[in-house]
């Protein structure tokens, strides 16, 4: 799965005015490895934060169990808790997460982060995330 997703992620970053867009895909061991990250100017890379296994957290489990997008207008108060480091170190206060599927299984995630403030998402924001996710899934199907 060595496809470069930087162009669609950069496009999504701009389209929804996000702080960061990431793609994680599971490696041979099942670990959701960060394979693409696009950040707005001045936004720190996730690679600078504490290394965690996203699969250990309720947000990732929600994606796997439901197969649905997770839209969090305020990560600090949402009942489906993201990793503490996401809030404390990276100051992600809003996010949209989308499961990436291949052959009927969740094989990764598309994450769209918004730093320093909560955000109410529009239908257009959610549609843009779905469109990027669908593009990524179509490249996996080839």
C-alpha atoms as a PDB file:
ATOM      1  CA  UNK A   1       0.000   0.000   0.000  1.00  0.00           C
ATOM      2  CA  UNK A   2       2.712   2.478  -0.993  1.00  0.00           C
ATOM      3  CA  UNK A   3       0.417   5.022  -2.681  1.00  0.00           C
ATOM      4  CA  UNK A   4       1.083   8.754  -2.184  1.00  0.00           C
ATOM      5  CA  UNK A   5      -2.009  10.419  -0.707  1.00  0.00           C
ATOM      6  CA  UNK A   6      -0.435  13.834  -0.209  1.00  0.00           C
ATOM      7  CA  UNK A   7      -2.257  15.556  -3.092  1.00  0.00           C
ATOM      8  CA  UNK A   8      -5.837  14.642  -2.075  1.00  0.00           C
ATOM      9  CA  UNK A   9      -4.977  15.342   1.569  1.00  0.00           C
ATOM     10  CA  UNK A  10      -3.506  18.752   0.713  1.00  0.00           C
ATOM     11  CA  UNK A  11      -6.646  19.528  -1.321  1.00  0.00           C
ATOM     12  CA  UNK A  12      -8.870  18.525   1.620  1.00  0.00           C
ATOM     13  CA  UNK A  13      -6.752  20.571   4.045  1.00  0.00           C
ATOM     14  CA  UNK A  14      -7.380  23.675   1.937  1.00  0.00           C
ATOM     15  CA  UNK A  15     -11.025  22.926   1.115  1.00  0.00           C
ATOM     16  CA  UNK A  16     -12.136  22.688   4.750  1.00  0.00           C
ATOM     17  CA  UNK A  17      -9.500  25.070   6.189  1.00  0.00           C
ATOM     18  CA  UNK A  18      -8.170  22.333   8.473  1.00  0.00           C
ATOM     19  CA  UNK A  19      -5.056  22.390  10.618  1.00  0.00           C
ATOM     20  CA  UNK A  20      -3.956  18.871   9.720  1.00  0.00           C
ATOM     21  CA  UNK A  21      -5.074  15.946   7.539  1.00  0.00           C
ATOM     22  CA  UNK A  22      -3.674  12.472   8.081  1.00  0.00           C
ATOM     23  CA  UNK A  23      -4.039   9.021   6.600  1.00  0.00           C
ATOM     24  CA  UNK A  24      -3.240   5.954   8.662  1.00  0.00           C
ATOM     25  CA  UNK A  25      -3.179   2.476   7.136  1.00  0.00           C
ATOM     26  CA  UNK A  26      -2.662  -0.746   9.012  1.00  0.00           C
ATOM     27  CA  UNK A  27       0.697  -2.396   8.449  1.00  0.00           C
ATOM     28  CA  UNK A  28       1.384  -6.140   8.350  1.00  0.00           C
ATOM     29  CA  UNK A  29       1.147  -6.343  12.155  1.00  0.00           C
ATOM     30  CA  UNK A  30      -2.203  -4.497  12.227  1.00  0.00           C
ATOM     31  CA  UNK A  31      -0.760  -1.233  13.576  1.00  0.00           C
ATOM     32  CA  UNK A  32      -2.421   1.887  12.049  1.00  0.00           C
ATOM     33  CA  UNK A  33       0.734   3.557  10.733  1.00  0.00           C
ATOM     34  CA  UNK A  34       0.791   7.246   9.787  1.00  0.00           C
ATOM     35  CA  UNK A  35       1.459   7.179   6.030  1.00  0.00           C
ATOM     36  CA  UNK A  36       0.479  10.727   5.012  1.00  0.00           C
ATOM     37  CA  UNK A  37       0.255  13.995   6.890  1.00  0.00           C
ATOM     38  CA  UNK A  38      -0.463  17.455   5.542  1.00  0.00           C
ATOM     39  CA  UNK A  39      -0.314  20.417   7.945  1.00  0.00           C
ATOM     40  CA  UNK A  40      -1.264  24.067   7.643  1.00  0.00           C
ATOM     41  CA  UNK A  41       1.502  26.608   8.207  1.00  0.00           C
ATOM     42  CA  UNK A  42       2.724  26.603  11.806  1.00  0.00           C
ATOM     43  CA  UNK A  43       0.878  23.409  12.785  1.00  0.00           C
ATOM     44  CA  UNK A  44       3.116  20.766  14.369  1.00  0.00           C
ATOM     45  CA  UNK A  45       3.412  17.310  12.910  1.00  0.00           C
ATOM     46  CA  UNK A  46       1.828  14.389  14.724  1.00  0.00           C
ATOM     47  CA  UNK A  47       5.263  12.826  14.506  1.00  0.00           C
ATOM     48  CA  UNK A  48       6.414  15.310  17.194  1.00  0.00           C
ATOM     49  CA  UNK A  49       3.761  14.156  19.705  1.00  0.00           C
ATOM     50  CA  UNK A  50       3.797  11.119  21.984  1.00  0.00           C
ATOM     51  CA  UNK A  51       3.653   7.913  19.937  1.00  0.00           C
ATOM     52  CA  UNK A  52       0.427   6.061  20.587  1.00  0.00           C
ATOM     53  CA  UNK A  53      -1.504   3.195  19.076  1.00  0.00           C
ATOM     54  CA  UNK A  54      -4.739   4.799  17.808  1.00  0.00           C
ATOM     55  CA  UNK A  55      -6.444   1.389  17.964  1.00  0.00           C
ATOM     56  CA  UNK A  56      -6.252   1.618  21.761  1.00  0.00           C
ATOM     57  CA  UNK A  57      -8.697   4.544  21.883  1.00  0.00           C
ATOM     58  CA  UNK A  58     -12.494   4.877  21.691  1.00  0.00           C
ATOM     59  CA  UNK A  59     -12.398   7.088  18.584  1.00  0.00           C
ATOM     60  CA  UNK A  60     -10.645   4.431  16.503  1.00  0.00           C
ATOM     61  CA  UNK A  61     -12.807   1.638  17.925  1.00  0.00           C
ATOM     62  CA  UNK A  62     -15.903   3.661  17.001  1.00  0.00           C
ATOM     63  CA  UNK A  63     -14.770   3.810  13.370  1.00  0.00           C
ATOM     64  CA  UNK A  64     -14.076   0.076  13.232  1.00  0.00           C
ATOM     65  CA  UNK A  65     -17.290  -0.922  15.010  1.00  0.00           C
ATOM     66  CA  UNK A  66     -19.693   1.408  13.164  1.00  0.00           C
ATOM     67  CA  UNK A  67     -17.965   1.993   9.828  1.00  0.00           C
ATOM     68  CA  UNK A  68     -19.294   5.559  10.049  1.00  0.00           C
ATOM     69  CA  UNK A  69     -17.647   8.958  10.131  1.00  0.00           C
ATOM     70  CA  UNK A  70     -17.074  10.455  13.562  1.00  0.00           C
ATOM     71  CA  UNK A  71     -17.717  14.202  13.655  1.00  0.00           C
ATOM     72  CA  UNK A  72     -16.519  15.876  16.846  1.00  0.00           C
ATOM     73  CA  UNK A  73     -17.236  19.600  17.153  1.00  0.00           C
ATOM     74  CA  UNK A  74     -15.394  19.715  20.498  1.00  0.00           C
ATOM     75  CA  UNK A  75     -13.033  16.851  21.290  1.00  0.00           C
ATOM     76  CA  UNK A  76     -12.668  18.079  24.872  1.00  0.00           C
ATOM     77  CA  UNK A  77     -16.321  17.371  25.697  1.00  0.00           C
ATOM     78  CA  UNK A  78     -17.322  14.661  23.215  1.00  0.00           C
ATOM     79  CA  UNK A  79     -18.299  11.404  24.936  1.00  0.00           C
ATOM     80  CA  UNK A  80     -16.146   9.385  22.500  1.00  0.00           C
ATOM     81  CA  UNK A  81     -12.742  10.324  23.892  1.00  0.00           C
ATOM     82  CA  UNK A  82      -9.723  10.826  21.626  1.00  0.00           C
ATOM     83  CA  UNK A  83      -6.190  10.247  22.933  1.00  0.00           C
ATOM     84  CA  UNK A  84      -5.259  12.812  25.602  1.00  0.00           C
ATOM     85  CA  UNK A  85      -2.100  13.701  23.662  1.00  0.00           C
ATOM     86  CA  UNK A  86      -4.246  14.819  20.724  1.00  0.00           C
ATOM     87  CA  UNK A  87      -5.856  17.470  22.912  1.00  0.00           C
ATOM     88  CA  UNK A  88      -3.024  18.316  25.313  1.00  0.00           C
ATOM     89  CA  UNK A  89      -0.010  18.224  22.991  1.00  0.00           C
ATOM     90  CA  UNK A  90      -1.500  18.957  19.572  1.00  0.00           C
ATOM     91  CA  UNK A  91      -4.457  21.112  20.728  1.00  0.00           C
ATOM     92  CA  UNK A  92      -6.941  19.362  18.420  1.00  0.00           C
ATOM     93  CA  UNK A  93     -10.285  20.690  19.637  1.00  0.00           C
ATOM     94  CA  UNK A  94     -12.409  19.515  16.694  1.00  0.00           C
ATOM     95  CA  UNK A  95     -12.050  16.723  14.166  1.00  0.00           C
ATOM     96  CA  UNK A  96     -13.710  14.549  11.570  1.00  0.00           C
ATOM     97  CA  UNK A  97     -12.538  10.946  11.360  1.00  0.00           C
ATOM     98  CA  UNK A  98     -13.428   8.575   8.536  1.00  0.00           C
ATOM     99  CA  UNK A  99     -12.781   4.845   8.373  1.00  0.00           C
ATOM    100  CA  UNK A 100     -10.948   3.656   5.268  1.00  0.00           C
ATOM    101  CA  UNK A 101     -12.230   0.301   4.034  1.00  0.00           C
ATOM    102  CA  UNK A 102     -10.762  -2.273   1.693  1.00  0.00           C
ATOM    103  CA  UNK A 103     -12.504  -5.538   0.817  1.00  0.00           C
ATOM    104  CA  UNK A 104     -15.112  -4.919   3.514  1.00  0.00           C
ATOM    105  CA  UNK A 105     -12.679  -4.311   6.361  1.00  0.00           C
ATOM    106  CA  UNK A 106     -11.496  -1.101   8.018  1.00  0.00           C
ATOM    107  CA  UNK A 107      -7.820  -0.815   7.075  1.00  0.00           C
ATOM    108  CA  UNK A 108      -7.164   2.725   8.216  1.00  0.00           C
ATOM    109  CA  UNK A 109      -8.409   6.187   8.961  1.00  0.00           C
ATOM    110  CA  UNK A 110      -8.605   9.622   7.417  1.00  0.00           C
ATOM    111  CA  UNK A 111      -8.372  12.308  10.113  1.00  0.00           C
ATOM    112  CA  UNK A 112      -9.108  16.000   9.683  1.00  0.00           C
ATOM    113  CA  UNK A 113      -7.993  18.090  12.675  1.00  0.00           C
ATOM    114  CA  UNK A 114      -8.832  21.622  13.734  1.00  0.00           C
ATOM    115  CA  UNK A 115      -6.489  23.176  16.249  1.00  0.00           C
ATOM    116  CA  UNK A 116      -7.164  25.604  19.124  1.00  0.00           C
ATOM    117  CA  UNK A 117     -10.953  25.961  18.837  1.00  0.00           C
ATOM    118  CA  UNK A 118     -14.156  23.925  18.563  1.00  0.00           C
ATOM    119  CA  UNK A 119     -15.904  24.006  15.197  1.00  0.00           C
ATOM    120  CA  UNK A 120     -19.394  23.469  13.900  1.00  0.00           C
ATOM    121  CA  UNK A 121     -19.103  21.458  10.698  1.00  0.00           C
ATOM    122  CA  UNK A 122     -21.138  22.120   7.588  1.00  0.00           C
ATOM    123  CA  UNK A 123     -22.604  19.502   5.292  1.00  0.00           C
ATOM    124  CA  UNK A 124     -19.975  20.613   2.765  1.00  0.00           C
ATOM    125  CA  UNK A 125     -17.167  19.871   5.261  1.00  0.00           C
ATOM    126  CA  UNK A 126     -18.483  16.360   5.863  1.00  0.00           C
ATOM    127  CA  UNK A 127     -19.009  15.794   2.130  1.00  0.00           C
ATOM    128  CA  UNK A 128     -15.415  16.869   1.419  1.00  0.00           C
ATOM    129  CA  UNK A 129     -14.094  14.346   3.953  1.00  0.00           C
ATOM    130  CA  UNK A 130     -16.280  11.583   2.478  1.00  0.00           C
ATOM    131  CA  UNK A 131     -15.062  12.465  -1.020  1.00  0.00           C
ATOM    132  CA  UNK A 132     -11.409  12.258  -0.005  1.00  0.00           C
ATOM    133  CA  UNK A 133     -12.029   8.995   1.851  1.00  0.00           C
ATOM    134  CA  UNK A 134     -13.843   7.557  -1.197  1.00  0.00           C
ATOM    135  CA  UNK A 135     -10.878   8.533  -3.403  1.00  0.00           C
ATOM    136  CA  UNK A 136      -8.455   6.790  -1.057  1.00  0.00           C
ATOM    137  CA  UNK A 137     -10.628   3.664  -0.960  1.00  0.00           C
ATOM    138  CA  UNK A 138     -10.823   3.600  -4.757  1.00  0.00           C
ATOM    139  CA  UNK A 139      -7.020   3.621  -5.016  1.00  0.00           C
ATOM    140  CA  UNK A 140      -6.833   0.658  -2.629  1.00  0.00           C
ATOM    141  CA  UNK A 141      -9.301  -1.277  -4.804  1.00  0.00           C
ATOM    142  CA  UNK A 142      -7.030  -1.121  -7.867  1.00  0.00           C
END
